Amino acid sequence: DPGGEGVWPFFMVLMPDRDRRDRALGALWRSGLGVSKLFVRALPDYPYLAGAVEGGPCPAARDLADRMLTVTNTHWLDDAAFARLAGEICHA
């Protein structure tokens, strides 16, 4: 629906590389600002999914898991907190 509205529980932020993602997470993990890793691994890399998910090369999925972090999209995240969060991500 072109005029419809959606609810997005979080923003996905794709960092340039894993090191920068990890620096951003390190700076923000205990901040209470709702930063997390939605995808810790690619699906074939979870041992408990062996047999349920076909293994093999999944370079795009592994790259996404390595570089992405998520930020909550909640009304509790005010402008000042979001500015702090964005600053930490940009400086990572």
PDB file of N, CA and C in Angstrom:
ATOM      1  N   ASP A   1       0.842  -1.173   0.000  1.00  0.00           N
ATOM      2  CA  ASP A   1       0.000   0.000   0.000  1.00  0.00           C
ATOM      3  C   ASP A   1       0.892   1.243   0.000  1.00  0.00           C
ATOM      4  N   PRO A   2       0.897   2.033  -1.058  1.00  0.00           N
ATOM      5  CA  PRO A   2       1.771   3.203  -1.143  1.00  0.00           C
ATOM      6  C   PRO A   2       1.547   4.223  -0.028  1.00  0.00           C
ATOM      7  N   GLY A   3       0.353   4.329   0.503  1.00  0.00           N
ATOM      8  CA  GLY A   3       0.082   5.279   1.575  1.00  0.00           C
ATOM      9  C   GLY A   3       0.144   4.667   2.953  1.00  0.00           C
ATOM     10  N   GLY A   4       0.511   3.393   3.025  1.00  0.00           N
ATOM     11  CA  GLY A   4       0.517   2.690   4.302  1.00  0.00           C
ATOM     12  C   GLY A   4       1.673   3.100   5.190  1.00  0.00           C
ATOM     13  N   GLU A   5       1.610   2.652   6.404  1.00  0.00           N
ATOM     14  CA  GLU A   5       2.661   2.913   7.376  1.00  0.00           C
ATOM     15  C   GLU A   5       3.211   1.593   7.883  1.00  0.00           C
ATOM     16  N   GLY A   6       4.471   1.602   8.233  1.00  0.00           N
ATOM     17  CA  GLY A   6       5.101   0.410   8.776  1.00  0.00           C
ATOM     18  C   GLY A   6       5.688   0.676  10.141  1.00  0.00           C
ATOM     19  N   VAL A   7       5.909  -0.373  10.863  1.00  0.00           N
ATOM     20  CA  VAL A   7       6.556  -0.283  12.162  1.00  0.00           C
ATOM     21  C   VAL A   7       7.874  -1.036  12.058  1.00  0.00           C
ATOM     22  N   TRP A   8       8.952  -0.347  12.340  1.00  0.00           N
ATOM     23  CA  TRP A   8      10.270  -0.955  12.265  1.00  0.00           C
ATOM     24  C   TRP A   8      10.851  -0.990  13.673  1.00  0.00           C
ATOM     25  N   PRO A   9      11.031  -2.175  14.249  1.00  0.00           N
ATOM     26  CA  PRO A   9      11.487  -2.253  15.633  1.00  0.00           C
ATOM     27  C   PRO A   9      12.951  -1.857  15.822  1.00  0.00           C
ATOM     28  N   PHE A  10      13.712  -1.793  14.737  1.00  0.00           N
ATOM     29  CA  PHE A  10      15.117  -1.414  14.842  1.00  0.00           C
ATOM     30  C   PHE A  10      15.630  -0.971  13.484  1.00  0.00           C
ATOM     31  N   PHE A  11      16.765  -0.279  13.530  1.00  0.00           N
ATOM     32  CA  PHE A  11      17.494   0.090  12.319  1.00  0.00           C
ATOM     33  C   PHE A  11      18.649  -0.882  12.175  1.00  0.00           C
ATOM     34  N   MET A  12      18.915  -1.311  10.960  1.00  0.00           N
ATOM     35  CA  MET A  12      20.094  -2.123  10.700  1.00  0.00           C
ATOM     36  C   MET A  12      21.168  -1.202  10.133  1.00  0.00           C
ATOM     37  N   VAL A  13      22.348  -1.234  10.737  1.00  0.00           N
ATOM     38  CA  VAL A  13      23.463  -0.387  10.318  1.00  0.00           C
ATOM     39  C   VAL A  13      24.565  -1.300   9.804  1.00  0.00           C
ATOM     40  N   LEU A  14      24.926  -1.140   8.540  1.00  0.00           N
ATOM     41  CA  LEU A  14      25.989  -1.952   7.946  1.00  0.00           C
ATOM     42  C   LEU A  14      27.282  -1.149   7.991  1.00  0.00           C
ATOM     43  N   MET A  15      28.200  -1.607   8.802  1.00  0.00           N
ATOM     44  CA  MET A  15      29.479  -0.927   8.995  1.00  0.00           C
ATOM     45  C   MET A  15      30.446  -1.321   7.879  1.00  0.00           C
ATOM     46  N   PRO A  16      31.501  -0.531   7.661  1.00  0.00           N
ATOM     47  CA  PRO A  16      32.456  -0.840   6.589  1.00  0.00           C
ATOM     48  C   PRO A  16      33.176  -2.173   6.772  1.00  0.00           C
ATOM     49  N   ASP A  17      33.435  -2.557   8.025  1.00  0.00           N
ATOM     50  CA  ASP A  17      34.113  -3.826   8.283  1.00  0.00           C
ATOM     51  C   ASP A  17      33.805  -4.284   9.710  1.00  0.00           C
ATOM     52  N   ARG A  18      34.221  -5.494  10.007  1.00  0.00           N
ATOM     53  CA  ARG A  18      33.930  -6.090  11.317  1.00  0.00           C
ATOM     54  C   ARG A  18      34.595  -5.324  12.467  1.00  0.00           C
ATOM     55  N   ASP A  19      35.835  -4.863  12.248  1.00  0.00           N
ATOM     56  CA  ASP A  19      36.534  -4.136  13.304  1.00  0.00           C
ATOM     57  C   ASP A  19      35.781  -2.876  13.709  1.00  0.00           C
ATOM     58  N   ARG A  20      35.284  -2.134  12.734  1.00  0.00           N
ATOM     59  CA  ARG A  20      34.532  -0.915  13.056  1.00  0.00           C
ATOM     60  C   ARG A  20      33.207  -1.264  13.727  1.00  0.00           C
ATOM     61  N   ARG A  21      32.570  -2.334  13.280  1.00  0.00           N
ATOM     62  CA  ARG A  21      31.340  -2.785  13.943  1.00  0.00           C
ATOM     63  C   ARG A  21      31.622  -3.122  15.401  1.00  0.00           C
ATOM     64  N   ASP A  22      32.719  -3.842  15.632  1.00  0.00           N
ATOM     65  CA  ASP A  22      33.071  -4.233  16.994  1.00  0.00           C
ATOM     66  C   ASP A  22      33.436  -3.029  17.859  1.00  0.00           C
ATOM     67  N   ARG A  23      34.097  -2.029  17.281  1.00  0.00           N
ATOM     68  CA  ARG A  23      34.413  -0.813  18.042  1.00  0.00           C
ATOM     69  C   ARG A  23      33.132  -0.080  18.436  1.00  0.00           C
ATOM     70  N   ALA A  24      32.203   0.027  17.507  1.00  0.00           N
ATOM     71  CA  ALA A  24      30.922   0.681  17.808  1.00  0.00           C
ATOM     72  C   ALA A  24      30.173  -0.091  18.891  1.00  0.00           C
ATOM     73  N   LEU A  25      30.122  -1.404  18.765  1.00  0.00           N
ATOM     74  CA  LEU A  25      29.450  -2.212  19.784  1.00  0.00           C
ATOM     75  C   LEU A  25      30.144  -2.085  21.134  1.00  0.00           C
ATOM     76  N   GLY A  26      31.468  -2.068  21.123  1.00  0.00           N
ATOM     77  CA  GLY A  26      32.210  -1.928  22.369  1.00  0.00           C
ATOM     78  C   GLY A  26      31.907  -0.619  23.079  1.00  0.00           C
ATOM     79  N   ALA A  27      31.739   0.432  22.298  1.00  0.00           N
ATOM     80  CA  ALA A  27      31.449   1.746  22.875  1.00  0.00           C
ATOM     81  C   ALA A  27      30.008   1.858  23.353  1.00  0.00           C
ATOM     82  N   LEU A  28      29.108   1.093  22.744  1.00  0.00           N
ATOM     83  CA  LEU A  28      27.677   1.286  23.002  1.00  0.00           C
ATOM     84  C   LEU A  28      26.980   0.128  23.711  1.00  0.00           C
ATOM     85  N   TRP A  29      27.637  -1.013  23.832  1.00  0.00           N
ATOM     86  CA  TRP A  29      26.975  -2.232  24.302  1.00  0.00           C
ATOM     87  C   TRP A  29      26.282  -2.044  25.645  1.00  0.00           C
ATOM     88  N   ARG A  30      26.918  -1.403  26.584  1.00  0.00           N
ATOM     89  CA  ARG A  30      26.352  -1.238  27.936  1.00  0.00           C
ATOM     90  C   ARG A  30      25.723   0.135  28.137  1.00  0.00           C
ATOM     91  N   SER A  31      25.464   0.845  27.063  1.00  0.00           N
ATOM     92  CA  SER A  31      24.953   2.214  27.153  1.00  0.00           C
ATOM     93  C   SER A  31      23.467   2.288  27.466  1.00  0.00           C
ATOM     94  N   GLY A  32      22.757   1.183  27.259  1.00  0.00           N
ATOM     95  CA  GLY A  32      21.311   1.210  27.441  1.00  0.00           C
ATOM     96  C   GLY A  32      20.572   1.865  26.288  1.00  0.00           C
ATOM     97  N   LEU A  33      21.266   2.047  25.163  1.00  0.00           N
ATOM     98  CA  LEU A  33      20.670   2.711  24.003  1.00  0.00           C
ATOM     99  C   LEU A  33      20.093   1.736  22.982  1.00  0.00           C
ATOM    100  N   GLY A  34      20.035   0.464  23.315  1.00  0.00           N
ATOM    101  CA  GLY A  34      19.381  -0.508  22.441  1.00  0.00           C
ATOM    102  C   GLY A  34      20.191  -0.946  21.242  1.00  0.00           C
ATOM    103  N   VAL A  35      21.503  -1.067  21.413  1.00  0.00           N
ATOM    104  CA  VAL A  35      22.377  -1.517  20.331  1.00  0.00           C
ATOM    105  C   VAL A  35      22.633  -3.009  20.513  1.00  0.00           C
ATOM    106  N   SER A  36      22.565  -3.760  19.422  1.00  0.00           N
ATOM    107  CA  SER A  36      22.763  -5.204  19.511  1.00  0.00           C
ATOM    108  C   SER A  36      23.238  -5.748  18.173  1.00  0.00           C
ATOM    109  N   LYS A  37      23.450  -7.060  18.147  1.00  0.00           N
ATOM    110  CA  LYS A  37      23.759  -7.775  16.910  1.00  0.00           C
ATOM    111  C   LYS A  37      22.574  -8.690  16.630  1.00  0.00           C
ATOM    112  N   LEU A  38      21.837  -8.400  15.586  1.00  0.00           N
ATOM    113  CA  LEU A  38      20.704  -9.249  15.235  1.00  0.00           C
ATOM    114  C   LEU A  38      21.185 -10.576  14.664  1.00  0.00           C
ATOM    115  N   PHE A  39      22.166 -10.503  13.794  1.00  0.00           N
ATOM    116  CA  PHE A  39      22.718 -11.706  13.170  1.00  0.00           C
ATOM    117  C   PHE A  39      24.129 -11.909  13.699  1.00  0.00           C
ATOM    118  N   VAL A  40      24.294 -12.865  14.589  1.00  0.00           N
ATOM    119  CA  VAL A  40      25.607 -13.154  15.141  1.00  0.00           C
ATOM    120  C   VAL A  40      26.419 -13.971  14.144  1.00  0.00           C
ATOM    121  N   ARG A  41      25.745 -14.848  13.424  1.00  0.00           N
ATOM    122  CA  ARG A  41      26.390 -15.724  12.431  1.00  0.00           C
ATOM    123  C   ARG A  41      25.460 -15.898  11.238  1.00  0.00           C
ATOM    124  N   ALA A  42      26.009 -16.448  10.167  1.00  0.00           N
ATOM    125  CA  ALA A  42      25.175 -16.909   9.057  1.00  0.00           C
ATOM    126  C   ALA A  42      24.493 -18.205   9.507  1.00  0.00           C
ATOM    127  N   LEU A  43      23.323 -18.479   8.999  1.00  0.00           N
ATOM    128  CA  LEU A  43      22.559 -19.652   9.449  1.00  0.00           C
ATOM    129  C   LEU A  43      23.346 -20.957   9.414  1.00  0.00           C
ATOM    130  N   PRO A  44      24.114 -21.274   8.347  1.00  0.00           N
ATOM    131  CA  PRO A  44      24.846 -22.542   8.350  1.00  0.00           C
ATOM    132  C   PRO A  44      25.924 -22.638   9.432  1.00  0.00           C
ATOM    133  N   ASP A  45      26.265 -21.520  10.068  1.00  0.00           N
ATOM    134  CA  ASP A  45      27.320 -21.517  11.080  1.00  0.00           C
ATOM    135  C   ASP A  45      26.812 -21.779  12.498  1.00  0.00           C
ATOM    136  N   TYR A  46      25.519 -21.978  12.654  1.00  0.00           N
ATOM    137  CA  TYR A  46      24.959 -22.341  13.960  1.00  0.00           C
ATOM    138  C   TYR A  46      24.933 -23.862  14.060  1.00  0.00           C
ATOM    139  N   PRO A  47      25.698 -24.449  14.991  1.00  0.00           N
ATOM    140  CA  PRO A  47      25.753 -25.910  15.087  1.00  0.00           C
ATOM    141  C   PRO A  47      24.382 -26.563  15.252  1.00  0.00           C
ATOM    142  N   TYR A  48      23.476 -25.938  15.999  1.00  0.00           N
ATOM    143  CA  TYR A  48      22.178 -26.573  16.245  1.00  0.00           C
ATOM    144  C   TYR A  48      21.305 -26.624  14.995  1.00  0.00           C
ATOM    145  N   LEU A  49      21.690 -25.898  13.954  1.00  0.00           N
ATOM    146  CA  LEU A  49      20.926 -25.936  12.706  1.00  0.00           C
ATOM    147  C   LEU A  49      21.501 -26.921  11.690  1.00  0.00           C
ATOM    148  N   ALA A  50      22.579 -27.617  12.066  1.00  0.00           N
ATOM    149  CA  ALA A  50      23.165 -28.604  11.163  1.00  0.00           C
ATOM    150  C   ALA A  50      22.095 -29.613  10.772  1.00  0.00           C
ATOM    151  N   GLY A  51      21.981 -29.874   9.517  1.00  0.00           N
ATOM    152  CA  GLY A  51      20.967 -30.790   9.015  1.00  0.00           C
ATOM    153  C   GLY A  51      19.682 -30.093   8.621  1.00  0.00           C
ATOM    154  N   ALA A  52      19.379 -28.975   9.245  1.00  0.00           N
ATOM    155  CA  ALA A  52      18.166 -28.225   8.901  1.00  0.00           C
ATOM    156  C   ALA A  52      18.455 -27.148   7.863  1.00  0.00           C
ATOM    157  N   VAL A  53      19.699 -26.679   7.848  1.00  0.00           N
ATOM    158  CA  VAL A  53      20.112 -25.633   6.912  1.00  0.00           C
ATOM    159  C   VAL A  53      21.275 -26.170   6.107  1.00  0.00           C
ATOM    160  N   GLU A  54      21.188 -26.026   4.813  1.00  0.00           N
ATOM    161  CA  GLU A  54      22.258 -26.503   3.949  1.00  0.00           C
ATOM    162  C   GLU A  54      23.527 -25.701   4.196  1.00  0.00           C
ATOM    163  N   GLY A  55      24.634 -26.386   4.368  1.00  0.00           N
ATOM    164  CA  GLY A  55      25.916 -25.717   4.578  1.00  0.00           C
ATOM    165  C   GLY A  55      26.507 -25.247   3.267  1.00  0.00           C
ATOM    166  N   GLY A  56      27.728 -24.867   3.316  1.00  0.00           N
ATOM    167  CA  GLY A  56      28.408 -24.420   2.116  1.00  0.00           C
ATOM    168  C   GLY A  56      28.746 -22.953   2.175  1.00  0.00           C
ATOM    169  N   PRO A  57      29.329 -22.469   1.097  1.00  0.00           N
ATOM    170  CA  PRO A  57      29.734 -21.065   1.093  1.00  0.00           C
ATOM    171  C   PRO A  57      28.526 -20.129   1.129  1.00  0.00           C
ATOM    172  N   CYS A  58      28.588 -19.202   2.005  1.00  0.00           N
ATOM    173  CA  CYS A  58      27.546 -18.169   2.147  1.00  0.00           C
ATOM    174  C   CYS A  58      28.238 -16.834   2.375  1.00  0.00           C
ATOM    175  N   PRO A  59      29.052 -16.378   1.429  1.00  0.00           N
ATOM    176  CA  PRO A  59      29.853 -15.186   1.692  1.00  0.00           C
ATOM    177  C   PRO A  59      29.029 -13.939   1.987  1.00  0.00           C
ATOM    178  N   ALA A  60      27.916 -13.758   1.340  1.00  0.00           N
ATOM    179  CA  ALA A  60      27.105 -12.556   1.591  1.00  0.00           C
ATOM    180  C   ALA A  60      26.483 -12.603   2.986  1.00  0.00           C
ATOM    181  N   ALA A  61      26.005 -13.765   3.398  1.00  0.00           N
ATOM    182  CA  ALA A  61      25.405 -13.901   4.727  1.00  0.00           C
ATOM    183  C   ALA A  61      26.456 -13.719   5.818  1.00  0.00           C
ATOM    184  N   ARG A  62      27.626 -14.269   5.613  1.00  0.00           N
ATOM    185  CA  ARG A  62      28.694 -14.112   6.606  1.00  0.00           C
ATOM    186  C   ARG A  62      29.166 -12.662   6.677  1.00  0.00           C
ATOM    187  N   ASP A  63      29.242 -12.013   5.536  1.00  0.00           N
ATOM    188  CA  ASP A  63      29.631 -10.602   5.506  1.00  0.00           C
ATOM    189  C   ASP A  63      28.608  -9.751   6.251  1.00  0.00           C
ATOM    190  N   LEU A  64      27.335 -10.008   6.033  1.00  0.00           N
ATOM    191  CA  LEU A  64      26.281  -9.269   6.726  1.00  0.00           C
ATOM    192  C   LEU A  64      26.378  -9.473   8.238  1.00  0.00           C
ATOM    193  N   ALA A  65      26.546 -10.708   8.659  1.00  0.00           N
ATOM    194  CA  ALA A  65      26.661 -11.002  10.092  1.00  0.00           C
ATOM    195  C   ALA A  65      27.901 -10.345  10.697  1.00  0.00           C
ATOM    196  N   ASP A  66      28.975 -10.275   9.937  1.00  0.00           N
ATOM    197  CA  ASP A  66      30.221  -9.685  10.436  1.00  0.00           C
ATOM    198  C   ASP A  66      30.161  -8.168  10.566  1.00  0.00           C
ATOM    199  N   ARG A  67      29.383  -7.500   9.717  1.00  0.00           N
ATOM    200  CA  ARG A  67      29.447  -6.035   9.658  1.00  0.00           C
ATOM    201  C   ARG A  67      28.227  -5.303  10.201  1.00  0.00           C
ATOM    202  N   MET A  68      27.137  -6.001  10.472  1.00  0.00           N
ATOM    203  CA  MET A  68      25.905  -5.319  10.833  1.00  0.00           C
ATOM    204  C   MET A  68      25.707  -5.219  12.342  1.00  0.00           C
ATOM    205  N   LEU A  69      25.169  -4.090  12.759  1.00  0.00           N
ATOM    206  CA  LEU A  69      24.673  -3.935  14.117  1.00  0.00           C
ATOM    207  C   LEU A  69      23.262  -3.372  14.022  1.00  0.00           C
ATOM    208  N   THR A  70      22.509  -3.509  15.081  1.00  0.00           N
ATOM    209  CA  THR A  70      21.136  -3.009  15.080  1.00  0.00           C
ATOM    210  C   THR A  70      20.964  -1.987  16.196  1.00  0.00           C
ATOM    211  N   VAL A  71      20.094  -1.025  15.926  1.00  0.00           N
ATOM    212  CA  VAL A  71      19.783   0.048  16.865  1.00  0.00           C
ATOM    213  C   VAL A  71      18.274   0.064  17.047  1.00  0.00           C
ATOM    214  N   THR A  72      17.835   0.092  18.278  1.00  0.00           N
ATOM    215  CA  THR A  72      16.409   0.128  18.551  1.00  0.00           C
ATOM    216  C   THR A  72      15.758   1.372  17.956  1.00  0.00           C
ATOM    217  N   ASN A  73      14.514   1.250  17.626  1.00  0.00           N
ATOM    218  CA  ASN A  73      13.722   2.381  17.137  1.00  0.00           C
ATOM    219  C   ASN A  73      12.546   2.520  18.100  1.00  0.00           C
ATOM    220  N   THR A  74      12.793   3.147  19.212  1.00  0.00           N
ATOM    221  CA  THR A  74      11.786   3.252  20.251  1.00  0.00           C
ATOM    222  C   THR A  74      11.597   4.705  20.658  1.00  0.00           C
ATOM    223  N   HIS A  75      10.450   5.017  21.179  1.00  0.00           N
ATOM    224  CA  HIS A  75      10.202   6.385  21.629  1.00  0.00           C
ATOM    225  C   HIS A  75      11.041   6.743  22.854  1.00  0.00           C
ATOM    226  N   TRP A  76      11.636   5.771  23.506  1.00  0.00           N
ATOM    227  CA  TRP A  76      12.514   6.046  24.644  1.00  0.00           C
ATOM    228  C   TRP A  76      13.883   6.558  24.198  1.00  0.00           C
ATOM    229  N   LEU A  77      14.188   6.403  22.931  1.00  0.00           N
ATOM    230  CA  LEU A  77      15.461   6.893  22.402  1.00  0.00           C
ATOM    231  C   LEU A  77      15.243   8.334  21.933  1.00  0.00           C
ATOM    232  N   ASP A  78      15.520   9.287  22.814  1.00  0.00           N
ATOM    233  CA  ASP A  78      15.268  10.692  22.484  1.00  0.00           C
ATOM    234  C   ASP A  78      16.369  11.240  21.569  1.00  0.00           C
ATOM    235  N   ASP A  79      16.220  12.488  21.154  1.00  0.00           N
ATOM    236  CA  ASP A  79      17.158  13.088  20.206  1.00  0.00           C
ATOM    237  C   ASP A  79      18.590  13.124  20.740  1.00  0.00           C
ATOM    238  N   ALA A  80      18.754  13.443  22.004  1.00  0.00           N
ATOM    239  CA  ALA A  80      20.095  13.507  22.589  1.00  0.00           C
ATOM    240  C   ALA A  80      20.749  12.125  22.610  1.00  0.00           C
ATOM    241  N   ALA A  81      19.995  11.113  22.992  1.00  0.00           N
ATOM    242  CA  ALA A  81      20.531   9.750  23.026  1.00  0.00           C
ATOM    243  C   ALA A  81      20.856   9.272  21.616  1.00  0.00           C
ATOM    244  N   PHE A  82      19.978   9.599  20.664  1.00  0.00           N
ATOM    245  CA  PHE A  82      20.239   9.188  19.284  1.00  0.00           C
ATOM    246  C   PHE A  82      21.483   9.890  18.746  1.00  0.00           C
ATOM    247  N   ALA A  83      21.670  11.157  19.083  1.00  0.00           N
ATOM    248  CA  ALA A  83      22.862  11.888  18.647  1.00  0.00           C
ATOM    249  C   ALA A  83      24.125  11.252  19.229  1.00  0.00           C
ATOM    250  N   ARG A  84      24.074  10.855  20.483  1.00  0.00           N
ATOM    251  CA  ARG A  84      25.219  10.173  21.101  1.00  0.00           C
ATOM    252  C   ARG A  84      25.516   8.864  20.389  1.00  0.00           C
ATOM    253  N   LEU A  85      24.464   8.109  20.148  1.00  0.00           N
ATOM    254  CA  LEU A  85      24.590   6.824  19.478  1.00  0.00           C
ATOM    255  C   LEU A  85      25.181   7.006  18.078  1.00  0.00           C
ATOM    256  N   ALA A  86      24.640   7.943  17.323  1.00  0.00           N
ATOM    257  CA  ALA A  86      25.125   8.189  15.963  1.00  0.00           C
ATOM    258  C   ALA A  86      26.581   8.642  15.981  1.00  0.00           C
ATOM    259  N   GLY A  87      26.940   9.476  16.947  1.00  0.00           N
ATOM    260  CA  GLY A  87      28.326   9.925  17.055  1.00  0.00           C
ATOM    261  C   GLY A  87      29.283   8.780  17.309  1.00  0.00           C
ATOM    262  N   GLU A  88      28.909   7.881  18.208  1.00  0.00           N
ATOM    263  CA  GLU A  88      29.765   6.720  18.496  1.00  0.00           C
ATOM    264  C   GLU A  88      29.919   5.829  17.265  1.00  0.00           C
ATOM    265  N   ILE A  89      28.837   5.636  16.535  1.00  0.00           N
ATOM    266  CA  ILE A  89      28.906   4.802  15.331  1.00  0.00           C
ATOM    267  C   ILE A  89      29.801   5.461  14.287  1.00  0.00           C
ATOM    268  N   CYS A  90      29.648   6.750  14.091  1.00  0.00           N
ATOM    269  CA  CYS A  90      30.456   7.469  13.093  1.00  0.00           C
ATOM    270  C   CYS A  90      31.938   7.485  13.448  1.00  0.00           C
ATOM    271  N   HIS A  91      32.251   7.506  14.736  1.00  0.00           N
ATOM    272  CA  HIS A  91      33.650   7.574  15.155  1.00  0.00           C
ATOM    273  C   HIS A  91      34.283   6.207  15.372  1.00  0.00           C
ATOM    274  N   ALA A  92      33.530   5.157  15.192  1.00  0.00           N
ATOM    275  CA  ALA A  92      34.064   3.798  15.396  1.00  0.00           C
ATOM    276  C   ALA A  92      35.071   3.452  14.314  1.00  0.00           C
TER     277      ALA A  92
END
